[in-house]
C-alpha atoms as a PDB file:
ATOM      1  CA  MET A   1      -0.414  -0.049  -0.228  1.00  0.00           C
ATOM      2  CA  SER A   2       1.234   3.537  -0.854  1.00  0.00           C
ATOM      3  CA  PRO A   3       1.688   6.277   1.561  1.00  0.00           C
ATOM      4  CA  ASP A   4      -0.612   7.967  -0.318  1.00  0.00           C
ATOM      5  CA  GLN A   5      -3.262   5.192  -0.212  1.00  0.00           C
ATOM      6  CA  GLU A   6      -2.663   4.852   3.763  1.00  0.00           C
ATOM      7  CA  SER A   7      -3.126   8.788   3.909  1.00  0.00           C
ATOM      8  CA  ALA A   8      -6.742   8.737   1.926  1.00  0.00           C
ATOM      9  CA  GLU A   9      -8.030   5.265   4.143  1.00  0.00           C
ATOM     10  CA  LEU A  10      -6.972   7.710   7.506  1.00  0.00           C
ATOM     11  CA  LYS A  11      -8.977  10.316   5.803  1.00  0.00           C
ATOM     12  CA  LEU A  12     -12.085   8.042   5.235  1.00  0.00           C
ATOM     13  CA  LEU A  13     -12.218   6.896   8.542  1.00  0.00           C
ATOM     14  CA  THR A  14     -12.147  10.254   9.944  1.00  0.00           C
ATOM     15  CA  GLU A  15     -14.982  11.212   7.703  1.00  0.00           C
ATOM     16  CA  LEU A  16     -16.584   7.919   8.922  1.00  0.00           C
ATOM     17  CA  VAL A  17     -15.714   8.326  12.583  1.00  0.00           C
ATOM     18  CA  GLN A  18     -14.680  11.945  14.219  1.00  0.00           C
ATOM     19  CA  PRO A  19     -11.917  11.979  16.167  1.00  0.00           C
ATOM     20  CA  PRO A  20     -12.519  13.375  19.390  1.00  0.00           C
ATOM     21  CA  SER A  21     -11.503  16.689  20.323  1.00  0.00           C
ATOM     22  CA  ARG A  22      -9.064  15.805  23.161  1.00  0.00           C
ATOM     23  CA  PRO A  23      -7.965  12.603  22.499  1.00  0.00           C
ATOM     24  CA  LEU A  24      -6.050  10.746  25.528  1.00  0.00           C
ATOM     25  CA  ARG A  25      -2.729  10.053  25.640  1.00  0.00           C
ATOM     26  CA  SER A  26      -1.451  11.056  22.232  1.00  0.00           C
ATOM     27  CA  SER A  27       0.127  14.013  22.404  1.00  0.00           C
ATOM     28  CA  ASP A  28       4.079  12.716  23.713  1.00  0.00           C
ATOM     29  CA  GLU A  29       5.215  11.370  20.488  1.00  0.00           C
ATOM     30  CA  SER A  30       8.753   9.628  22.325  1.00  0.00           C
ATOM     31  CA  ASN A  31       6.164   6.886  23.276  1.00  0.00           C
ATOM     32  CA  TRP A  32       6.364   5.761  19.853  1.00  0.00           C
ATOM     33  CA  GLU A  33       9.851   5.524  19.805  1.00  0.00           C
ATOM     34  CA  ASN A  34       9.612   3.463  23.139  1.00  0.00           C
ATOM     35  CA  LEU A  35       7.513   1.370  21.314  1.00  0.00           C
ATOM     36  CA  LYS A  36       9.413   0.893  18.779  1.00  0.00           C
ATOM     37  CA  ALA A  37      12.590   0.070  21.206  1.00  0.00           C
ATOM     38  CA  ALA A  38      10.705  -2.154  23.453  1.00  0.00           C
ATOM     39  CA  ILE A  39       8.900  -4.710  20.736  1.00  0.00           C
ATOM     40  CA  ASP A  40      11.645  -4.603  17.599  1.00  0.00           C
ATOM     41  CA  PHE A  41       8.806  -4.359  14.549  1.00  0.00           C
ATOM     42  CA  PRO A  42       8.328  -1.820  11.760  1.00  0.00           C
ATOM     43  CA  PHE A  43       4.831  -0.437  12.955  1.00  0.00           C
ATOM     44  CA  PRO A  44       3.276   1.661  10.084  1.00  0.00           C
ATOM     45  CA  ASP A  45       3.268   5.065  10.516  1.00  0.00           C
ATOM     46  CA  GLU A  46       0.036   5.076   9.908  1.00  0.00           C
ATOM     47  CA  PHE A  47      -0.706   3.535  13.295  1.00  0.00           C
ATOM     48  CA  ARG A  48       1.032   6.655  14.661  1.00  0.00           C
ATOM     49  CA  GLU A  49      -1.276   9.133  12.861  1.00  0.00           C
ATOM     50  CA  TYR A  50      -4.456   7.075  14.155  1.00  0.00           C
ATOM     51  CA  GLY A  51      -3.106   7.713  17.691  1.00  0.00           C
ATOM     52  CA  LYS A  52      -2.285  11.038  17.615  1.00  0.00           C
ATOM     53  CA  LEU A  53      -5.949  11.483  16.020  1.00  0.00           C
ATOM     54  CA  TYR A  54      -8.174   8.918  17.914  1.00  0.00           C
ATOM     55  CA  GLY A  55      -5.743   8.487  20.943  1.00  0.00           C
ATOM     56  CA  THR A  56      -6.758   5.916  23.898  1.00  0.00           C
ATOM     57  CA  GLY A  57     -10.221   4.845  24.105  1.00  0.00           C
ATOM     58  CA  GLU A  58     -12.997   2.742  22.247  1.00  0.00           C
ATOM     59  CA  ILE A  59     -15.498   3.234  18.967  1.00  0.00           C
ATOM     60  CA  ASP A  60     -18.755   2.518  20.835  1.00  0.00           C
ATOM     61  CA  SER A  61     -21.734   1.539  18.637  1.00  0.00           C
ATOM     62  CA  ASN A  62     -25.151   0.830  20.273  1.00  0.00           C
ATOM     63  CA  GLY A  63     -23.299  -1.310  22.962  1.00  0.00           C
ATOM     64  CA  TYR A  64     -20.904  -3.321  20.430  1.00  0.00           C
ATOM     65  CA  GLY A  65     -17.367  -1.871  21.028  1.00  0.00           C
ATOM     66  CA  LEU A  66     -14.596  -1.396  19.130  1.00  0.00           C
ATOM     67  CA  ARG A  67     -11.216  -1.042  20.864  1.00  0.00           C
ATOM     68  CA  VAL A  68      -7.996  -0.383  18.815  1.00  0.00           C
ATOM     69  CA  ALA A  69      -5.078  -0.195  20.590  1.00  0.00           C
ATOM     70  CA  ASN A  70      -3.245   3.283  20.503  1.00  0.00           C
ATOM     71  CA  PRO A  71       0.533   2.925  20.129  1.00  0.00           C
ATOM     72  CA  LEU A  72       1.212   6.381  21.597  1.00  0.00           C
ATOM     73  CA  ASP A  73      -0.138   5.189  25.095  1.00  0.00           C
ATOM     74  CA  PRO A  74       2.940   4.758  27.384  1.00  0.00           C
ATOM     75  CA  ALA A  75       1.317   1.523  28.603  1.00  0.00           C
ATOM     76  CA  TYR A  76       0.960   0.206  25.058  1.00  0.00           C
ATOM     77  CA  PRO A  77       4.478  -1.461  24.960  1.00  0.00           C
ATOM     78  CA  ASP A  78       4.085  -3.582  28.116  1.00  0.00           C
ATOM     79  CA  TRP A  79      -0.097  -4.702  27.204  1.00  0.00           C
ATOM     80  CA  LEU A  80       1.222  -6.008  23.825  1.00  0.00           C
ATOM     81  CA  THR A  81       4.011  -7.744  25.451  1.00  0.00           C
ATOM     82  CA  LYS A  82       1.370  -9.321  27.939  1.00  0.00           C
ATOM     83  CA  ASN A  83      -1.092 -10.222  25.316  1.00  0.00           C
ATOM     84  CA  ALA A  84       1.233 -10.966  22.245  1.00  0.00           C
ATOM     85  CA  SER A  85       0.762 -14.874  23.033  1.00  0.00           C
ATOM     86  CA  MET A  86      -2.905 -15.050  23.094  1.00  0.00           C
ATOM     87  CA  MET A  87      -3.315 -13.147  20.027  1.00  0.00           C
ATOM     88  CA  SER A  88      -0.659 -15.294  17.980  1.00  0.00           C
ATOM     89  CA  THR A  89      -2.761 -17.273  15.439  1.00  0.00           C
ATOM     90  CA  ILE A  90       0.297 -18.896  14.051  1.00  0.00           C
ATOM     91  CA  ASP A  91       0.097 -22.798  14.035  1.00  0.00           C
ATOM     92  CA  ASP A  92      -3.668 -22.780  15.122  1.00  0.00           C
ATOM     93  CA  GLN A  93      -5.785 -24.530  12.826  1.00  0.00           C
ATOM     94  CA  PRO A  94      -7.207 -22.408   9.918  1.00  0.00           C
ATOM     95  CA  GLU A  95     -10.649 -23.700  10.503  1.00  0.00           C
ATOM     96  CA  LEU A  96     -10.248 -22.715  13.936  1.00  0.00           C
ATOM     97  CA  ARG A  97      -9.508 -19.018  13.280  1.00  0.00           C
ATOM     98  CA  PRO A  98     -11.640 -16.860  11.580  1.00  0.00           C
ATOM     99  CA  THR A  99      -9.428 -13.704  11.207  1.00  0.00           C
ATOM    100  CA  ARG A 100      -5.617 -13.683  11.097  1.00  0.00           C
ATOM    101  CA  PHE A 101      -3.304 -10.567  13.246  1.00  0.00           C
ATOM    102  CA  TYR A 102      -1.295  -8.167  11.583  1.00  0.00           C
ATOM    103  CA  PRO A 103       1.495  -8.479  10.231  1.00  0.00           C
ATOM    104  CA  GLU A 104       0.644 -12.633   9.733  1.00  0.00           C
ATOM    105  CA  GLU A 105       0.663 -13.707   6.439  1.00  0.00           C
ATOM    106  CA  ALA A 106      -2.685 -15.267   4.401  1.00  0.00           C
ATOM    107  CA  THR A 107      -2.104 -19.116   4.278  1.00  0.00           C
END
């Protein structure tokens, strides 16, 4: 995906779901560098942009919530490390997993 496509997709998201006027835990960009150092993974820049726009929280619609982790939250690297094994689908039988977790390749 090109940077222009990524920007277009994030722009579309902001048109569908307006970012909060004061996103929580999104102003300290040093947390982005801390995350990259702690996890040693090339997170896409668009994920950082999402964190800056939306912060920490969830999108709620009629009681159904969608929580997307905020990479700028100082607690995110710790949360990710603790939950990574639970979220991993590598070596699971394909019929037991309806989705894959980024960056796992499709089989």
